[in-house]
C-alpha atoms as a PDB file:
ATOM      1  CA  MET A   1     171.898  32.727 128.244  1.00  0.00           C
ATOM      2  CA  LYS A   2     168.396  31.259 128.406  1.00  0.00           C
ATOM      3  CA  SER A   3     166.947  34.598 129.514  1.00  0.00           C
ATOM      4  CA  LEU A   4     168.629  36.483 126.675  1.00  0.00           C
ATOM      5  CA  LEU A   5     167.390  34.019 124.062  1.00  0.00           C
ATOM      6  CA  THR A   6     163.872  34.504 125.372  1.00  0.00           C
ATOM      7  CA  CYS A   7     164.207  38.262 124.703  1.00  0.00           C
ATOM      8  CA  ILE A   8     165.235  37.584 121.087  1.00  0.00           C
ATOM      9  CA  ALA A   9     162.208  35.360 120.624  1.00  0.00           C
ATOM     10  CA  PHE A  10     160.011  38.289 121.647  1.00  0.00           C
ATOM     11  CA  VAL A  11     161.574  40.379 118.855  1.00  0.00           C
ATOM     12  CA  ILE A  12     160.824  37.640 116.312  1.00  0.00           C
ATOM     13  CA  LEU A  13     157.160  37.725 117.335  1.00  0.00           C
ATOM     14  CA  ILE A  14     157.107  41.476 116.881  1.00  0.00           C
ATOM     15  CA  GLN A  15     158.361  41.176 113.307  1.00  0.00           C
ATOM     16  CA  VAL A  16     155.271  39.217 112.388  1.00  0.00           C
ATOM     17  CA  VAL A  17     153.144  42.345 112.882  1.00  0.00           C
ATOM     18  CA  MET A  18     155.736  44.848 111.665  1.00  0.00           C
ATOM     19  CA  ALA A  19     155.934  45.741 107.980  1.00  0.00           C
ATOM     20  CA  GLY A  20     159.278  46.048 106.292  1.00  0.00           C
ATOM     21  CA  THR A  21     162.739  44.653 106.804  1.00  0.00           C
ATOM     22  CA  VAL A  22     164.461  44.743 110.207  1.00  0.00           C
ATOM     23  CA  ASP A  23     167.442  47.008 109.698  1.00  0.00           C
ATOM     24  CA  ARG A  24     168.495  47.497 113.349  1.00  0.00           C
ATOM     25  CA  LEU A  25     168.268  45.543 116.569  1.00  0.00           C
ATOM     26  CA  GLU A  26     169.467  46.956 119.895  1.00  0.00           C
ATOM     27  CA  TYR A  27     169.384  46.167 123.631  1.00  0.00           C
ATOM     28  CA  PHE A  28     169.827  48.069 126.879  1.00  0.00           C
ATOM     29  CA  PHE A  29     169.669  47.371 130.595  1.00  0.00           C
ATOM     30  CA  ASP A  30     167.260  48.804 133.193  1.00  0.00           C
ATOM     31  CA  ALA A  31     166.855  52.416 131.873  1.00  0.00           C
ATOM     32  CA  ASP A  32     165.916  53.330 128.280  1.00  0.00           C
ATOM     33  CA  PRO A  33     168.713  55.432 126.683  1.00  0.00           C
ATOM     34  CA  GLY A  34     166.382  56.466 123.807  1.00  0.00           C
ATOM     35  CA  TRP A  35     165.721  55.003 120.314  1.00  0.00           C
ATOM     36  CA  GLY A  36     168.920  54.174 118.534  1.00  0.00           C
ATOM     37  CA  ASN A  37     171.054  54.688 121.638  1.00  0.00           C
ATOM     38  CA  GLY A  38     171.060  51.054 122.781  1.00  0.00           C
ATOM     39  CA  THR A  39     173.804  48.537 122.046  1.00  0.00           C
ATOM     40  CA  LEU A  40     173.575  47.352 118.415  1.00  0.00           C
ATOM     41  CA  ILE A  41     173.019  43.672 117.610  1.00  0.00           C
ATOM     42  CA  TYR A  42     173.635  42.307 114.079  1.00  0.00           C
ATOM     43  CA  SER A  43     170.358  42.352 112.168  1.00  0.00           C
ATOM     44  CA  ARG A  44     168.667  40.845 109.122  1.00  0.00           C
ATOM     45  CA  ASN A  45     165.099  40.367 108.001  1.00  0.00           C
ATOM     46  CA  LEU A  46     164.728  36.925 109.558  1.00  0.00           C
ATOM     47  CA  VAL A  47     166.017  37.578 113.061  1.00  0.00           C
ATOM     48  CA  ASP A  48     167.597  34.502 114.623  1.00  0.00           C
ATOM     49  CA  ILE A  49     170.365  35.555 116.965  1.00  0.00           C
ATOM     50  CA  GLU A  50     172.180  33.727 119.709  1.00  0.00           C
ATOM     51  CA  GLN A  51     174.661  36.141 121.191  1.00  0.00           C
ATOM     52  CA  LEU A  52     176.500  36.456 124.490  1.00  0.00           C
ATOM     53  CA  ILE A  53     175.795  39.819 126.097  1.00  0.00           C
ATOM     54  CA  SER A  54     178.243  41.083 128.708  1.00  0.00           C
ATOM     55  CA  SER A  55     176.888  42.110 132.117  1.00  0.00           C
ATOM     56  CA  SER A  56     180.283  43.139 133.509  1.00  0.00           C
ATOM     57  CA  SER A  57     179.145  46.763 133.826  1.00  0.00           C
ATOM     58  CA  LEU A  58     176.240  45.818 136.113  1.00  0.00           C
ATOM     59  CA  SER A  59     176.277  45.600 139.872  1.00  0.00           C
ATOM     60  CA  PRO A  60     175.169  42.439 141.706  1.00  0.00           C
ATOM     61  CA  GLY A  61     171.400  42.194 142.135  1.00  0.00           C
ATOM     62  CA  PHE A  62     168.248  42.168 139.985  1.00  0.00           C
ATOM     63  CA  HIS A  63     168.284  43.785 136.552  1.00  0.00           C
ATOM     64  CA  ARG A  64     166.157  43.861 133.392  1.00  0.00           C
ATOM     65  CA  ILE A  65     167.299  43.545 129.757  1.00  0.00           C
ATOM     66  CA  TYR A  66     165.298  45.187 126.977  1.00  0.00           C
ATOM     67  CA  VAL A  67     165.496  44.374 123.195  1.00  0.00           C
ATOM     68  CA  ARG A  68     163.776  46.299 120.371  1.00  0.00           C
ATOM     69  CA  ALA A  69     163.885  46.432 116.565  1.00  0.00           C
ATOM     70  CA  ARG A  70     163.554  49.076 113.822  1.00  0.00           C
ATOM     71  CA  ASN A  71     162.284  48.463 110.297  1.00  0.00           C
ATOM     72  CA  GLY A  72     163.471  49.920 107.006  1.00  0.00           C
ATOM     73  CA  SER A  73     160.990  52.784 107.329  1.00  0.00           C
ATOM     74  CA  GLY A  74     162.628  53.934 110.560  1.00  0.00           C
ATOM     75  CA  GLN A  75     159.803  52.743 112.789  1.00  0.00           C
ATOM     76  CA  TRP A  76     160.772  51.231 116.169  1.00  0.00           C
ATOM     77  CA  GLY A  77     158.849  48.407 117.686  1.00  0.00           C
ATOM     78  CA  MET A  78     157.904  48.146 121.398  1.00  0.00           C
ATOM     79  CA  PRO A  79     160.814  46.757 123.482  1.00  0.00           C
ATOM     80  CA  GLN A  80     160.559  43.280 124.932  1.00  0.00           C
ATOM     81  CA  SER A  81     162.222  42.521 128.281  1.00  0.00           C
ATOM     82  CA  THR A  82     163.023  39.938 130.903  1.00  0.00           C
ATOM     83  CA  SER A  83     164.530  40.023 134.385  1.00  0.00           C
ATOM     84  CA  PHE A  84     167.712  38.350 135.556  1.00  0.00           C
ATOM     85  CA  TYR A  85     169.869  38.289 138.648  1.00  0.00           C
ATOM     86  CA  ILE A  86     173.628  38.838 139.050  1.00  0.00           C
ATOM     87  CA  PRO A  87     174.865  37.120 142.211  1.00  0.00           C
ATOM     88  CA  LEU A  88     177.451  38.563 144.558  1.00  0.00           C
ATOM     89  CA  PRO A  89     180.957  37.615 143.478  1.00  0.00           C
ATOM     90  CA  THR A  90     182.571  34.726 145.291  1.00  0.00           C
ATOM     91  CA  PRO A  91     184.993  36.147 147.868  1.00  0.00           C
ATOM     92  CA  PRO A  92     188.626  35.370 147.204  1.00  0.00           C
ATOM     93  CA  ALA A  93     190.128  32.488 149.096  1.00  0.00           C
ATOM     94  CA  GLN A  94     191.484  33.538 152.437  1.00  0.00           C
ATOM     95  CA  ALA A  95     195.212  33.888 152.560  1.00  0.00           C
ATOM     96  CA  PRO A  96     196.970  31.461 154.861  1.00  0.00           C
ATOM     97  CA  TYR A  97     197.536  32.722 158.373  1.00  0.00           C
ATOM     98  CA  GLY A  98     200.880  34.359 158.948  1.00  0.00           C
ATOM     99  CA  ASN A  99     203.110  33.448 161.822  1.00  0.00           C
ATOM    100  CA  VAL A 100     202.362  35.201 165.100  1.00  0.00           C
ATOM    101  CA  ALA A 101     205.385  37.392 165.701  1.00  0.00           C
ATOM    102  CA  ARG A 102     204.248  39.165 168.873  1.00  0.00           C
ATOM    103  CA  ILE A 103     201.522  39.019 171.503  1.00  0.00           C
ATOM    104  CA  GLU A 104     200.956  41.837 173.960  1.00  0.00           C
ATOM    105  CA  TYR A 105     198.475  42.805 176.631  1.00  0.00           C
ATOM    106  CA  PHE A 106     197.376  45.993 178.356  1.00  0.00           C
ATOM    107  CA  PHE A 107     194.809  47.100 180.919  1.00  0.00           C
ATOM    108  CA  ASP A 108     191.904  49.514 180.458  1.00  0.00           C
ATOM    109  CA  ALA A 109     193.431  52.139 178.072  1.00  0.00           C
ATOM    110  CA  ASP A 110     195.139  51.224 174.772  1.00  0.00           C
ATOM    111  CA  PRO A 111     198.786  52.427 174.769  1.00  0.00           C
ATOM    112  CA  GLY A 112     198.974  51.878 171.003  1.00  0.00           C
ATOM    113  CA  PRO A 113     200.052  48.831 168.948  1.00  0.00           C
ATOM    114  CA  GLY A 114     203.436  47.568 170.080  1.00  0.00           C
ATOM    115  CA  ASN A 115     203.356  49.476 173.383  1.00  0.00           C
ATOM    116  CA  GLY A 116     201.664  46.823 175.494  1.00  0.00           C
ATOM    117  CA  THR A 117     203.406  44.268 177.686  1.00  0.00           C
ATOM    118  CA  GLN A 118     204.864  41.520 175.479  1.00  0.00           C
ATOM    119  CA  ILE A 119     203.979  37.827 175.790  1.00  0.00           C
ATOM    120  CA  PHE A 120     206.020  35.157 174.003  1.00  0.00           C
ATOM    121  CA  GLY A 121     204.347  34.226 170.680  1.00  0.00           C
ATOM    122  CA  ARG A 122     204.452  31.260 168.339  1.00  0.00           C
ATOM    123  CA  VAL A 123     202.191  29.342 165.911  1.00  0.00           C
ATOM    124  CA  PRO A 124     199.945  27.715 166.943  1.00  0.00           C
ATOM    125  CA  VAL A 125     199.418  30.077 169.895  1.00  0.00           C
ATOM    126  CA  ASP A 126     198.992  28.306 173.210  1.00  0.00           C
ATOM    127  CA  VAL A 127     199.838  30.675 176.048  1.00  0.00           C
ATOM    128  CA  ASN A 128     199.246  30.075 179.732  1.00  0.00           C
ATOM    129  CA  GLN A 129     200.793  32.914 181.663  1.00  0.00           C
ATOM    130  CA  LEU A 130     200.202  34.640 184.979  1.00  0.00           C
ATOM    131  CA  ILE A 131     199.705  38.404 184.536  1.00  0.00           C
ATOM    132  CA  SER A 132     200.424  40.685 187.469  1.00  0.00           C
ATOM    133  CA  THR A 133     197.738  43.144 188.586  1.00  0.00           C
ATOM    134  CA  ALA A 134     199.892  44.738 191.294  1.00  0.00           C
ATOM    135  CA  SER A 135     199.822  48.121 189.535  1.00  0.00           C
ATOM    136  CA  LEU A 136     196.028  48.288 189.442  1.00  0.00           C
ATOM    137  CA  SER A 137     193.735  49.879 192.012  1.00  0.00           C
ATOM    138  CA  PRO A 138     190.815  47.971 193.574  1.00  0.00           C
ATOM    139  CA  GLY A 139     187.681  47.932 191.395  1.00  0.00           C
ATOM    140  CA  PHE A 140     186.627  46.829 187.893  1.00  0.00           C
ATOM    141  CA  HIS A 141     189.220  46.623 185.090  1.00  0.00           C
ATOM    142  CA  ARG A 142     189.503  45.198 181.581  1.00  0.00           C
ATOM    143  CA  LEU A 143     192.368  43.103 180.172  1.00  0.00           C
ATOM    144  CA  TYR A 144     193.109  43.335 176.419  1.00  0.00           C
ATOM    145  CA  VAL A 145     195.288  40.920 174.387  1.00  0.00           C
ATOM    146  CA  ARG A 146     196.281  41.291 170.724  1.00  0.00           C
ATOM    147  CA  ALA A 147     198.685  39.683 168.268  1.00  0.00           C
ATOM    148  CA  LYS A 148     200.855  40.815 165.347  1.00  0.00           C
ATOM    149  CA  ASN A 149     201.735  38.560 162.423  1.00  0.00           C
ATOM    150  CA  SER A 150     205.031  38.256 160.608  1.00  0.00           C
ATOM    151  CA  ALA A 151     203.842  40.846 158.053  1.00  0.00           C
ATOM    152  CA  GLY A 152     203.623  43.446 160.813  1.00  0.00           C
ATOM    153  CA  LYS A 153     199.813  43.565 160.918  1.00  0.00           C
ATOM    154  CA  TRP A 154     198.083  43.800 164.295  1.00  0.00           C
ATOM    155  CA  ALA A 155     194.795  42.010 164.907  1.00  0.00           C
ATOM    156  CA  MET A 156     191.855  43.468 166.818  1.00  0.00           C
ATOM    157  CA  PRO A 157     192.345  43.087 170.591  1.00  0.00           C
ATOM    158  CA  GLN A 158     190.297  40.569 172.576  1.00  0.00           C
ATOM    159  CA  SER A 159     189.255  41.534 176.096  1.00  0.00           C
ATOM    160  CA  THR A 160     187.633  40.411 179.315  1.00  0.00           C
ATOM    161  CA  SER A 161     186.563  42.186 182.511  1.00  0.00           C
ATOM    162  CA  PHE A 162     187.697  41.351 186.036  1.00  0.00           C
ATOM    163  CA  TYR A 163     187.417  42.790 189.539  1.00  0.00           C
ATOM    164  CA  ILE A 164     190.123  43.498 192.126  1.00  0.00           C
ATOM    165  CA  PRO A 165     188.645  43.474 195.642  1.00  0.00           C
ATOM    166  CA  ILE A 166     189.577  45.941 198.352  1.00  0.00           C
ATOM    167  CA  LEU A 167     192.220  44.384 200.547  1.00  0.00           C
ATOM    168  CA  ALA A 168     191.454  44.110 204.229  1.00  0.00           C
ATOM    169  CA  SER A 169     193.459  46.471 206.383  1.00  0.00           C
ATOM    170  CA  PRO A 170     196.044  44.837 208.596  1.00  0.00           C
ATOM    171  CA  ALA A 171     194.666  44.021 212.021  1.00  0.00           C
ATOM    172  CA  LEU A 172     195.414  46.675 214.614  1.00  0.00           C
ATOM    173  CA  PRO A 173     196.197  45.779 218.236  1.00  0.00           C
ATOM    174  CA  TYR A 174     193.145  45.962 220.492  1.00  0.00           C
ATOM    175  CA  LYS A 175     192.887  48.876 222.885  1.00  0.00           C
ATOM    176  CA  GLN A 176     192.170  48.228 226.556  1.00  0.00           C
ATOM    177  CA  ILE A 177     188.597  48.590 227.770  1.00  0.00           C
ATOM    178  CA  THR A 178     188.605  51.092 230.640  1.00  0.00           C
ATOM    179  CA  ARG A 179     184.885  51.710 231.195  1.00  0.00           C
ATOM    180  CA  LEU A 180     181.507  49.967 230.834  1.00  0.00           C
ATOM    181  CA  GLU A 181     178.046  51.446 231.273  1.00  0.00           C
ATOM    182  CA  TYR A 182     174.454  50.290 230.826  1.00  0.00           C
ATOM    183  CA  TRP A 183     170.958  51.792 230.585  1.00  0.00           C
ATOM    184  CA  LEU A 184     167.368  50.874 229.778  1.00  0.00           C
ATOM    185  CA  ASP A 185     165.392  51.830 226.666  1.00  0.00           C
ATOM    186  CA  SER A 186     166.572  55.451 226.016  1.00  0.00           C
ATOM    187  CA  ASP A 187     170.219  56.418 225.555  1.00  0.00           C
ATOM    188  CA  PRO A 188     171.224  58.987 228.227  1.00  0.00           C
ATOM    189  CA  GLY A 189     174.369  59.982 226.267  1.00  0.00           C
ATOM    190  CA  PHE A 190     177.998  58.844 226.399  1.00  0.00           C
ATOM    191  CA  GLY A 191     179.220  58.463 229.977  1.00  0.00           C
ATOM    192  CA  ASN A 192     175.759  59.039 231.483  1.00  0.00           C
ATOM    193  CA  GLY A 193     174.727  55.398 231.859  1.00  0.00           C
ATOM    194  CA  THR A 194     175.124  53.339 235.022  1.00  0.00           C
ATOM    195  CA  GLN A 195     178.830  52.627 235.356  1.00  0.00           C
ATOM    196  CA  ILE A 196     180.254  49.120 235.796  1.00  0.00           C
ATOM    197  CA  SER A 197     183.612  48.943 237.553  1.00  0.00           C
ATOM    198  CA  VAL A 198     186.201  47.031 235.510  1.00  0.00           C
ATOM    199  CA  ALA A 199     189.965  46.605 235.548  1.00  0.00           C
ATOM    200  CA  PRO A 200     191.478  47.794 232.214  1.00  0.00           C
ATOM    201  CA  SER A 201     191.732  44.837 229.857  1.00  0.00           C
ATOM    202  CA  THR A 202     191.514  43.920 226.148  1.00  0.00           C
ATOM    203  CA  ASN A 203     189.209  40.992 226.883  1.00  0.00           C
ATOM    204  CA  LEU A 204     186.465  41.149 229.532  1.00  0.00           C
ATOM    205  CA  ASN A 205     184.277  38.337 230.812  1.00  0.00           C
ATOM    206  CA  ILE A 206     182.335  39.622 233.789  1.00  0.00           C
ATOM    207  CA  SER A 207     179.024  39.222 235.598  1.00  0.00           C
ATOM    208  CA  PHE A 208     177.414  42.029 237.598  1.00  0.00           C
ATOM    209  CA  PRO A 209     174.060  42.838 239.257  1.00  0.00           C
ATOM    210  CA  LEU A 210     171.683  45.192 237.427  1.00  0.00           C
ATOM    211  CA  THR A 211     170.093  47.957 239.437  1.00  0.00           C
ATOM    212  CA  LEU A 212     166.920  48.751 237.494  1.00  0.00           C
ATOM    213  CA  GLY A 213     164.919  50.625 240.116  1.00  0.00           C
ATOM    214  CA  GLN A 214     161.210  51.189 239.489  1.00  0.00           C
ATOM    215  CA  ILE A 215     160.330  50.350 235.871  1.00  0.00           C
ATOM    216  CA  GLU A 216     157.058  50.043 234.002  1.00  0.00           C
ATOM    217  CA  HIS A 217     155.561  46.625 233.413  1.00  0.00           C
ATOM    218  CA  GLY A 218     156.008  45.130 229.951  1.00  0.00           C
ATOM    219  CA  ASN A 219     158.868  44.918 227.466  1.00  0.00           C
ATOM    220  CA  HIS A 220     162.215  46.676 227.860  1.00  0.00           C
ATOM    221  CA  LYS A 221     165.610  46.817 226.203  1.00  0.00           C
ATOM    222  CA  LEU A 222     168.901  46.696 228.072  1.00  0.00           C
ATOM    223  CA  TYR A 223     171.936  48.382 226.462  1.00  0.00           C
ATOM    224  CA  ILE A 224     175.632  48.122 227.361  1.00  0.00           C
ATOM    225  CA  ARG A 225     178.672  49.789 225.790  1.00  0.00           C
ATOM    226  CA  ALA A 226     182.407  50.140 226.411  1.00  0.00           C
ATOM    227  CA  ARG A 227     185.028  52.870 226.159  1.00  0.00           C
ATOM    228  CA  ASN A 228     188.686  52.170 225.366  1.00  0.00           C
ATOM    229  CA  SER A 229     191.889  53.716 226.653  1.00  0.00           C
ATOM    230  CA  ASP A 230     191.795  56.342 223.869  1.00  0.00           C
ATOM    231  CA  GLY A 231     188.424  57.592 225.123  1.00  0.00           C
ATOM    232  CA  VAL A 232     186.548  56.139 222.139  1.00  0.00           C
ATOM    233  CA  TRP A 233     183.130  54.601 222.803  1.00  0.00           C
ATOM    234  CA  GLY A 234     182.071  51.487 220.977  1.00  0.00           C
ATOM    235  CA  MET A 235     178.634  50.696 219.539  1.00  0.00           C
ATOM    236  CA  PRO A 236     176.170  49.501 222.199  1.00  0.00           C
ATOM    237  CA  ALA A 237     175.019  45.889 222.429  1.00  0.00           C
ATOM    238  CA  SER A 238     171.425  45.247 223.504  1.00  0.00           C
ATOM    239  CA  ALA A 239     168.978  42.568 224.616  1.00  0.00           C
ATOM    240  CA  LEU A 240     165.186  42.493 225.020  1.00  0.00           C
ATOM    241  CA  PHE A 241     163.539  41.316 228.245  1.00  0.00           C
ATOM    242  CA  SER A 242     160.157  41.457 229.950  1.00  0.00           C
ATOM    243  CA  ASP A 243     159.060  41.455 233.579  1.00  0.00           C
ATOM    244  CA  GLY A 244     156.177  39.134 232.611  1.00  0.00           C
ATOM    245  CA  VAL A 245     153.391  41.602 233.466  1.00  0.00           C
ATOM    246  CA  PRO A 246     151.174  42.656 230.529  1.00  0.00           C
ATOM    247  CA  ALA A 247     151.153  46.415 230.055  1.00  0.00           C
ATOM    248  CA  HIS A 248     149.102  49.032 228.209  1.00  0.00           C
ATOM    249  CA  LEU A 249     145.757  47.271 228.652  1.00  0.00           C
ATOM    250  CA  THR A 250     142.686  48.630 226.829  1.00  0.00           C
ATOM    251  CA  ILE A 251     139.040  47.547 227.217  1.00  0.00           C
ATOM    252  CA  ASN A 252     136.468  48.084 224.489  1.00  0.00           C
ATOM    253  CA  PHE A 253     132.978  46.906 223.619  1.00  0.00           C
ATOM    254  CA  VAL A 254     132.652  45.530 220.104  1.00  0.00           C
ATOM    255  CA  ASP A 255     129.410  44.106 218.672  1.00  0.00           C
ATOM    256  CA  GLY A 256     128.031  43.222 222.074  1.00  0.00           C
ATOM    257  CA  SER A 257     131.303  41.671 223.268  1.00  0.00           C
ATOM    258  CA  LEU A 258     133.995  42.695 225.697  1.00  0.00           C
ATOM    259  CA  PHE A 259     137.384  43.132 223.977  1.00  0.00           C
ATOM    260  CA  ILE A 260     140.615  43.451 226.025  1.00  0.00           C
ATOM    261  CA  THR A 261     144.027  44.019 224.408  1.00  0.00           C
ATOM    262  CA  TRP A 262     147.555  44.430 225.832  1.00  0.00           C
ATOM    263  CA  GLU A 263     151.164  44.722 224.717  1.00  0.00           C
ATOM    264  CA  ASP A 264     152.470  41.361 223.548  1.00  0.00           C
ATOM    265  CA  LEU A 265     155.238  40.379 225.937  1.00  0.00           C
ATOM    266  CA  TYR A 266     158.669  39.299 224.744  1.00  0.00           C
ATOM    267  CA  THR A 267     159.152  35.474 224.915  1.00  0.00           C
ATOM    268  CA  ILE A 268     155.658  35.012 226.465  1.00  0.00           C
ATOM    269  CA  ASP A 269     152.757  33.537 224.514  1.00  0.00           C
ATOM    270  CA  SER A 270     150.282  32.388 227.173  1.00  0.00           C
ATOM    271  CA  TYR A 271     148.036  34.587 229.326  1.00  0.00           C
ATOM    272  CA  LEU A 272     145.240  34.335 231.932  1.00  0.00           C
ATOM    273  CA  VAL A 273     142.354  36.703 232.673  1.00  0.00           C
ATOM    274  CA  TYR A 274     140.895  37.206 236.149  1.00  0.00           C
ATOM    275  CA  SER A 275     137.793  39.208 237.038  1.00  0.00           C
ATOM    276  CA  ALA A 276     135.981  40.494 240.140  1.00  0.00           C
ATOM    277  CA  PRO A 277     132.829  42.527 240.858  1.00  0.00           C
ATOM    278  CA  ASP A 278     134.847  44.954 242.969  1.00  0.00           C
ATOM    279  CA  PRO A 279     138.534  45.948 242.838  1.00  0.00           C
ATOM    280  CA  ASP A 280     138.954  44.946 246.489  1.00  0.00           C
ATOM    281  CA  ALA A 281     137.199  41.598 246.051  1.00  0.00           C
ATOM    282  CA  PRO A 282     139.080  38.405 245.260  1.00  0.00           C
ATOM    283  CA  TYR A 283     139.801  37.996 241.529  1.00  0.00           C
ATOM    284  CA  VAL A 284     138.844  34.610 240.084  1.00  0.00           C
ATOM    285  CA  LEU A 285     139.927  32.994 236.823  1.00  0.00           C
ATOM    286  CA  ASP A 286     137.555  34.066 234.024  1.00  0.00           C
ATOM    287  CA  THR A 287     137.012  31.367 231.434  1.00  0.00           C
ATOM    288  CA  SER A 288     134.146  33.029 229.571  1.00  0.00           C
ATOM    289  CA  GLY A 289     136.309  34.452 226.778  1.00  0.00           C
ATOM    290  CA  ALA A 290     138.675  33.348 224.014  1.00  0.00           C
ATOM    291  CA  PHE A 291     142.303  34.411 223.593  1.00  0.00           C
ATOM    292  CA  GLY A 292     144.039  35.869 220.565  1.00  0.00           C
ATOM    293  CA  PRO A 293     147.803  36.503 220.345  1.00  0.00           C
ATOM    294  CA  ASN A 294     147.547  39.483 222.724  1.00  0.00           C
ATOM    295  CA  ASP A 295     143.803  39.951 223.232  1.00  0.00           C
ATOM    296  CA  TRP A 296     140.763  38.384 224.890  1.00  0.00           C
ATOM    297  CA  THR A 297     137.117  38.487 223.725  1.00  0.00           C
ATOM    298  CA  ALA A 298     134.182  37.545 225.950  1.00  0.00           C
ATOM    299  CA  PRO A 299     130.407  38.088 226.132  1.00  0.00           C
ATOM    300  CA  LEU A 300     129.338  41.152 228.069  1.00  0.00           C
ATOM    301  CA  PRO A 301     129.086  40.279 231.774  1.00  0.00           C
ATOM    302  CA  ALA A 302     125.710  40.236 233.510  1.00  0.00           C
ATOM    303  CA  ASP A 303     127.083  42.468 236.258  1.00  0.00           C
ATOM    304  CA  PRO A 304     126.699  46.202 235.567  1.00  0.00           C
ATOM    305  CA  LYS A 305     130.248  46.670 236.845  1.00  0.00           C
ATOM    306  CA  ARG A 306     133.180  44.237 236.636  1.00  0.00           C
ATOM    307  CA  PHE A 307     136.946  44.555 237.007  1.00  0.00           C
ATOM    308  CA  TYR A 308     139.580  42.592 235.072  1.00  0.00           C
ATOM    309  CA  ARG A 309     143.232  41.721 235.503  1.00  0.00           C
ATOM    310  CA  VAL A 310     145.508  40.073 232.908  1.00  0.00           C
ATOM    311  CA  THR A 311     148.595  38.090 233.841  1.00  0.00           C
ATOM    312  CA  SER A 312     151.012  35.889 231.924  1.00  0.00           C
ATOM    313  CA  THR A 313     151.600  32.275 232.774  1.00  0.00           C
ATOM    314  CA  TYR A 314     155.132  33.399 233.480  1.00  0.00           C
ATOM    315  CA  MET A 315     153.747  35.134 236.591  1.00  0.00           C
ATOM    316  CA  GLU A 316     151.727  32.143 237.736  1.00  0.00           C
ATOM    317  CA  PRO A 317     153.181  29.974 240.549  1.00  0.00           C
END
């Protein structure tokens, strides 16, 4: 009401500069409908109006009311205006909750209201029930639960995800082991390794000598695998070992130094270097250099020719 009265006061100020008697007073909201097309307000020469103006036709939000006057000569004054705000209507009070008449659940795909699996319902709802997943396949699934009130209205379903693991297959009886074979480094193919004689059994615990023959110095890998009574070979098991002799030695000269490298031996971390002026001469321990993990660096020898040998402490007496 305060805003509307302010608009009327503007009209009164206009009449001070307008000649003649006010014979019409009108108002409109937001958009000008044209002179004489506004809503008429009672008028007289001395304008003093306090009138309730309905805003029921307006939507919630900001609006503007305009008021203007016309004198006896048919001349309209400039409209005066002010802004006002219509708040959103207060929502109606929520109806009391109806009684829960039915609760149902379903998995993954909605079968339609009333077609799920029923759970006993009551008000207040407090349900603790085991739900069988026996019909579901392993993998991810989603459980939905919804309720219907006594008026027959279904609520939106609530859901949660869960996972059904793949069940382990029942244990099968072990087949008898009928053959063992072993080899070094490179697989010769099924049945082409060195055979180990065994009596057929489902559980073997044996020891046997390894015939390795002539092998290179350095690291090696021993493989062993078994074949069962159905002729099926298992995956090979393996183990690393070393004969303790460094292999693949290289000698280089770097920045005026002698640099010797070798293959790092499995389970061995300590080495010794021996040198001699001639390959047939006795080799003596050379302490002129410094060791790295699998290398040795020393100043260049004074001899124009010198021979070197690297051993591991594993080989030392």
